Amino acid sequence: MVITLRIIGALAILGGFFIGLDLYEVPIEGYRHLTEKDWTIFFTWFGYGIISGILFFAFAQILDHLETKNDYAEKQINILERLEKKLDKKEG
């Protein structure tokens, strides 16, 4: 799950860059083959890609941290269960 979110984040950044690169040339009215470069379109799409990618990377980092904490908690539960069994054997 974490790897999938990181891949989606990287694709969002790359997608924003390439979509912005594709759309930043705006055709001039009245001319068929003349275009002007509108960098605000490029930076808008690229910024959108960066923001989306950062959000996906952040969610991946949060899930990774939660999985680590969950594994640690499971280890602690296993240790406590073994200790409880040992104490029950000594008492009984």
N, C-alpha and C. Protein backbone atom coordinates (compact mmCIF):
# COMPACT_ATOMS: atom_id res chain seq x y z
N MET A 1 0.82 -1.19 0.00
CA MET A 1 0.00 0.00 0.00
C MET A 1 0.87 1.26 0.00
N VAL A 2 1.92 1.25 0.80
CA VAL A 2 2.80 2.41 0.89
C VAL A 2 3.51 2.65 -0.44
N ILE A 3 3.99 1.58 -1.04
CA ILE A 3 4.70 1.70 -2.32
C ILE A 3 3.75 2.23 -3.40
N THR A 4 2.51 1.76 -3.37
CA THR A 4 1.52 2.22 -4.35
C THR A 4 1.28 3.72 -4.22
N LEU A 5 1.15 4.20 -2.98
CA LEU A 5 0.94 5.64 -2.78
C LEU A 5 2.15 6.45 -3.23
N ARG A 6 3.34 5.93 -3.00
CA ARG A 6 4.54 6.66 -3.46
C ARG A 6 4.61 6.69 -4.98
N ILE A 7 4.23 5.60 -5.63
CA ILE A 7 4.23 5.57 -7.10
C ILE A 7 3.19 6.56 -7.64
N ILE A 8 2.01 6.59 -7.02
CA ILE A 8 0.98 7.54 -7.45
C ILE A 8 1.46 8.97 -7.26
N GLY A 9 2.16 9.24 -6.16
CA GLY A 9 2.69 10.58 -5.92
C GLY A 9 3.70 10.99 -6.97
N ALA A 10 4.59 10.06 -7.33
CA ALA A 10 5.59 10.36 -8.37
C ALA A 10 4.90 10.57 -9.72
N LEU A 11 3.89 9.75 -10.01
CA LEU A 11 3.16 9.92 -11.28
C LEU A 11 2.39 11.24 -11.31
N ALA A 12 1.88 11.68 -10.17
CA ALA A 12 1.17 12.96 -10.12
C ALA A 12 2.12 14.11 -10.43
N ILE A 13 3.32 14.06 -9.89
CA ILE A 13 4.30 15.12 -10.16
C ILE A 13 4.71 15.10 -11.63
N LEU A 14 5.03 13.92 -12.14
CA LEU A 14 5.41 13.82 -13.55
C LEU A 14 4.27 14.20 -14.48
N GLY A 15 3.06 13.77 -14.11
CA GLY A 15 1.89 14.11 -14.93
C GLY A 15 1.64 15.61 -14.96
N GLY A 16 1.75 16.27 -13.83
CA GLY A 16 1.58 17.71 -13.79
C GLY A 16 2.61 18.43 -14.64
N PHE A 17 3.85 17.93 -14.60
CA PHE A 17 4.90 18.54 -15.42
C PHE A 17 4.61 18.39 -16.90
N PHE A 18 4.29 17.17 -17.32
CA PHE A 18 4.09 16.93 -18.75
C PHE A 18 2.79 17.54 -19.27
N ILE A 19 1.73 17.56 -18.47
CA ILE A 19 0.50 18.22 -18.90
C ILE A 19 0.74 19.72 -19.03
N GLY A 20 1.44 20.30 -18.05
CA GLY A 20 1.77 21.73 -18.14
C GLY A 20 2.63 22.04 -19.34
N LEU A 21 3.58 21.16 -19.62
CA LEU A 21 4.45 21.36 -20.78
C LEU A 21 3.67 21.27 -22.09
N ASP A 22 2.66 20.40 -22.10
CA ASP A 22 1.85 20.23 -23.31
C ASP A 22 0.88 21.39 -23.52
N LEU A 23 0.36 21.96 -22.46
CA LEU A 23 -0.70 22.96 -22.58
C LEU A 23 -0.23 24.40 -22.48
N TYR A 24 1.04 24.65 -22.23
CA TYR A 24 1.47 26.04 -22.02
C TYR A 24 1.56 26.83 -23.32
N GLU A 25 1.54 26.17 -24.47
CA GLU A 25 1.50 26.89 -25.74
C GLU A 25 0.04 27.10 -26.15
N VAL A 26 -0.38 28.38 -26.17
CA VAL A 26 -1.76 28.72 -26.48
C VAL A 26 -1.81 29.26 -27.91
N PRO A 27 -2.72 28.72 -28.75
CA PRO A 27 -2.81 29.23 -30.12
C PRO A 27 -3.30 30.69 -30.16
N ILE A 28 -2.73 31.46 -31.07
CA ILE A 28 -3.12 32.86 -31.25
C ILE A 28 -4.33 32.89 -32.19
N GLU A 29 -5.34 33.67 -31.80
CA GLU A 29 -6.56 33.75 -32.61
C GLU A 29 -6.25 34.34 -33.98
N GLY A 30 -6.80 33.75 -35.00
CA GLY A 30 -6.62 34.23 -36.36
C GLY A 30 -5.45 33.58 -37.09
N TYR A 31 -4.61 32.84 -36.37
CA TYR A 31 -3.46 32.16 -36.97
C TYR A 31 -3.57 30.67 -36.68
N ARG A 32 -3.29 29.89 -37.69
CA ARG A 32 -3.41 28.44 -37.51
C ARG A 32 -2.23 27.83 -36.77
N HIS A 33 -1.04 28.27 -37.10
CA HIS A 33 0.15 27.58 -36.58
C HIS A 33 0.99 28.43 -35.63
N LEU A 34 0.50 29.59 -35.26
CA LEU A 34 1.25 30.43 -34.33
C LEU A 34 0.71 30.25 -32.91
N THR A 35 1.64 30.14 -32.00
CA THR A 35 1.26 30.00 -30.59
C THR A 35 2.08 30.97 -29.75
N GLU A 36 1.56 31.27 -28.60
CA GLU A 36 2.33 32.04 -27.62
C GLU A 36 2.45 31.19 -26.36
N LYS A 37 3.54 31.40 -25.67
CA LYS A 37 3.81 30.59 -24.48
C LYS A 37 3.23 31.28 -23.26
N ASP A 38 2.33 30.57 -22.58
CA ASP A 38 1.72 31.09 -21.37
C ASP A 38 2.24 30.27 -20.19
N TRP A 39 3.25 30.80 -19.52
CA TRP A 39 3.92 30.07 -18.45
C TRP A 39 3.05 29.89 -17.23
N THR A 40 2.02 30.71 -17.07
CA THR A 40 1.14 30.53 -15.91
C THR A 40 0.40 29.20 -16.00
N ILE A 41 0.06 28.78 -17.19
CA ILE A 41 -0.60 27.47 -17.37
C ILE A 41 0.37 26.35 -16.97
N PHE A 42 1.61 26.47 -17.42
CA PHE A 42 2.60 25.46 -17.07
C PHE A 42 2.80 25.36 -15.56
N PHE A 43 3.00 26.51 -14.91
CA PHE A 43 3.26 26.50 -13.48
C PHE A 43 2.02 26.09 -12.67
N THR A 44 0.84 26.39 -13.19
CA THR A 44 -0.38 25.95 -12.52
C THR A 44 -0.46 24.42 -12.51
N TRP A 45 -0.27 23.81 -13.67
CA TRP A 45 -0.33 22.34 -13.75
C TRP A 45 0.81 21.69 -12.98
N PHE A 46 2.00 22.26 -13.10
CA PHE A 46 3.14 21.68 -12.40
C PHE A 46 2.98 21.84 -10.88
N GLY A 47 2.47 22.98 -10.46
CA GLY A 47 2.20 23.18 -9.03
C GLY A 47 1.14 22.22 -8.51
N TYR A 48 0.10 22.01 -9.31
CA TYR A 48 -0.92 21.04 -8.94
C TYR A 48 -0.31 19.64 -8.80
N GLY A 49 0.55 19.28 -9.72
CA GLY A 49 1.21 17.97 -9.64
C GLY A 49 2.09 17.84 -8.41
N ILE A 50 2.82 18.90 -8.09
CA ILE A 50 3.69 18.86 -6.91
C ILE A 50 2.86 18.76 -5.63
N ILE A 51 1.79 19.54 -5.54
CA ILE A 51 0.95 19.49 -4.34
C ILE A 51 0.31 18.11 -4.19
N SER A 52 -0.22 17.57 -5.27
CA SER A 52 -0.83 16.24 -5.21
C SER A 52 0.21 15.18 -4.85
N GLY A 53 1.38 15.28 -5.45
CA GLY A 53 2.44 14.31 -5.16
C GLY A 53 2.87 14.38 -3.71
N ILE A 54 3.01 15.58 -3.17
CA ILE A 54 3.41 15.74 -1.77
C ILE A 54 2.35 15.13 -0.85
N LEU A 55 1.07 15.34 -1.17
CA LEU A 55 0.01 14.75 -0.35
C LEU A 55 0.08 13.22 -0.36
N PHE A 56 0.30 12.64 -1.53
CA PHE A 56 0.42 11.18 -1.60
C PHE A 56 1.66 10.68 -0.85
N PHE A 57 2.77 11.40 -0.98
CA PHE A 57 3.97 11.02 -0.23
C PHE A 57 3.73 11.12 1.28
N ALA A 58 3.00 12.15 1.71
CA ALA A 58 2.71 12.32 3.14
C ALA A 58 1.82 11.18 3.64
N PHE A 59 0.78 10.82 2.88
CA PHE A 59 -0.07 9.70 3.28
C PHE A 59 0.73 8.41 3.35
N ALA A 60 1.64 8.21 2.41
CA ALA A 60 2.47 7.01 2.42
C ALA A 60 3.36 7.00 3.66
N GLN A 61 3.91 8.14 4.02
CA GLN A 61 4.77 8.22 5.20
C GLN A 61 3.97 7.95 6.48
N ILE A 62 2.76 8.47 6.55
CA ILE A 62 1.90 8.23 7.71
C ILE A 62 1.57 6.75 7.83
N LEU A 63 1.19 6.13 6.72
CA LEU A 63 0.87 4.70 6.75
C LEU A 63 2.09 3.86 7.12
N ASP A 64 3.23 4.24 6.62
CA ASP A 64 4.46 3.51 6.96
C ASP A 64 4.74 3.60 8.46
N HIS A 65 4.57 4.79 9.01
CA HIS A 65 4.79 4.98 10.45
C HIS A 65 3.78 4.17 11.27
N LEU A 66 2.51 4.16 10.83
CA LEU A 66 1.49 3.40 11.54
C LEU A 66 1.74 1.90 11.47
N GLU A 67 2.21 1.42 10.33
CA GLU A 67 2.54 0.00 10.21
C GLU A 67 3.69 -0.37 11.13
N THR A 68 4.68 0.50 11.25
CA THR A 68 5.80 0.24 12.15
C THR A 68 5.33 0.19 13.60
N LYS A 69 4.48 1.15 13.98
CA LYS A 69 3.96 1.16 15.34
C LYS A 69 3.10 -0.08 15.61
N ASN A 70 2.32 -0.50 14.62
CA ASN A 70 1.48 -1.68 14.78
C ASN A 70 2.33 -2.94 14.97
N ASP A 71 3.40 -3.07 14.20
CA ASP A 71 4.30 -4.22 14.36
C ASP A 71 4.93 -4.23 15.75
N TYR A 72 5.33 -3.07 16.21
CA TYR A 72 5.93 -2.96 17.54
C TYR A 72 4.93 -3.33 18.62
N ALA A 73 3.68 -2.88 18.47
CA ALA A 73 2.64 -3.20 19.44
C ALA A 73 2.34 -4.70 19.45
N GLU A 74 2.33 -5.34 18.28
CA GLU A 74 2.11 -6.78 18.23
C GLU A 74 3.23 -7.55 18.93
N LYS A 75 4.46 -7.10 18.77
CA LYS A 75 5.58 -7.74 19.46
C LYS A 75 5.43 -7.61 20.97
N GLN A 76 5.01 -6.43 21.42
CA GLN A 76 4.81 -6.23 22.85
C GLN A 76 3.69 -7.12 23.39
N ILE A 77 2.62 -7.27 22.63
CA ILE A 77 1.51 -8.14 23.05
C ILE A 77 1.98 -9.58 23.16
N ASN A 78 2.76 -10.04 22.19
CA ASN A 78 3.28 -11.40 22.23
C ASN A 78 4.17 -11.63 23.45
N ILE A 79 5.01 -10.66 23.76
CA ILE A 79 5.87 -10.77 24.94
C ILE A 79 5.03 -10.84 26.21
N LEU A 80 4.01 -9.98 26.31
CA LEU A 80 3.16 -9.98 27.49
C LEU A 80 2.38 -11.29 27.63
N GLU A 81 1.92 -11.86 26.52
CA GLU A 81 1.20 -13.13 26.57
C GLU A 81 2.11 -14.25 27.06
N ARG A 82 3.36 -14.26 26.59
CA ARG A 82 4.31 -15.28 27.05
C ARG A 82 4.61 -15.12 28.54
N LEU A 83 4.77 -13.89 29.00
CA LEU A 83 5.01 -13.65 30.42
C LEU A 83 3.81 -14.10 31.26
N GLU A 84 2.62 -13.83 30.77
CA GLU A 84 1.42 -14.23 31.49
C GLU A 84 1.34 -15.76 31.61
N LYS A 85 1.69 -16.47 30.54
CA LYS A 85 1.68 -17.93 30.57
C LYS A 85 2.71 -18.46 31.58
N LYS A 86 3.89 -17.84 31.61
CA LYS A 86 4.93 -18.26 32.56
C LYS A 86 4.48 -18.01 33.99
N LEU A 87 3.84 -16.88 34.25
CA LEU A 87 3.35 -16.59 35.59
C LEU A 87 2.24 -17.55 36.02
N ASP A 88 1.36 -17.89 35.07
CA ASP A 88 0.30 -18.84 35.37
C ASP A 88 0.86 -20.21 35.73
N LYS A 89 1.93 -20.63 35.03
CA LYS A 89 2.55 -21.92 35.33
C LYS A 89 3.20 -21.92 36.70
N LYS A 90 3.80 -20.81 37.10
CA LYS A 90 4.45 -20.74 38.43
C LYS A 90 3.42 -20.73 39.54
N GLU A 91 2.30 -20.07 39.32
CA GLU A 91 1.26 -19.99 40.34
C GLU A 91 0.51 -21.31 40.47
N GLY A 92 0.33 -21.98 39.36
CA GLY A 92 -0.49 -23.20 39.36
C GLY A 92 0.30 -24.41 39.58
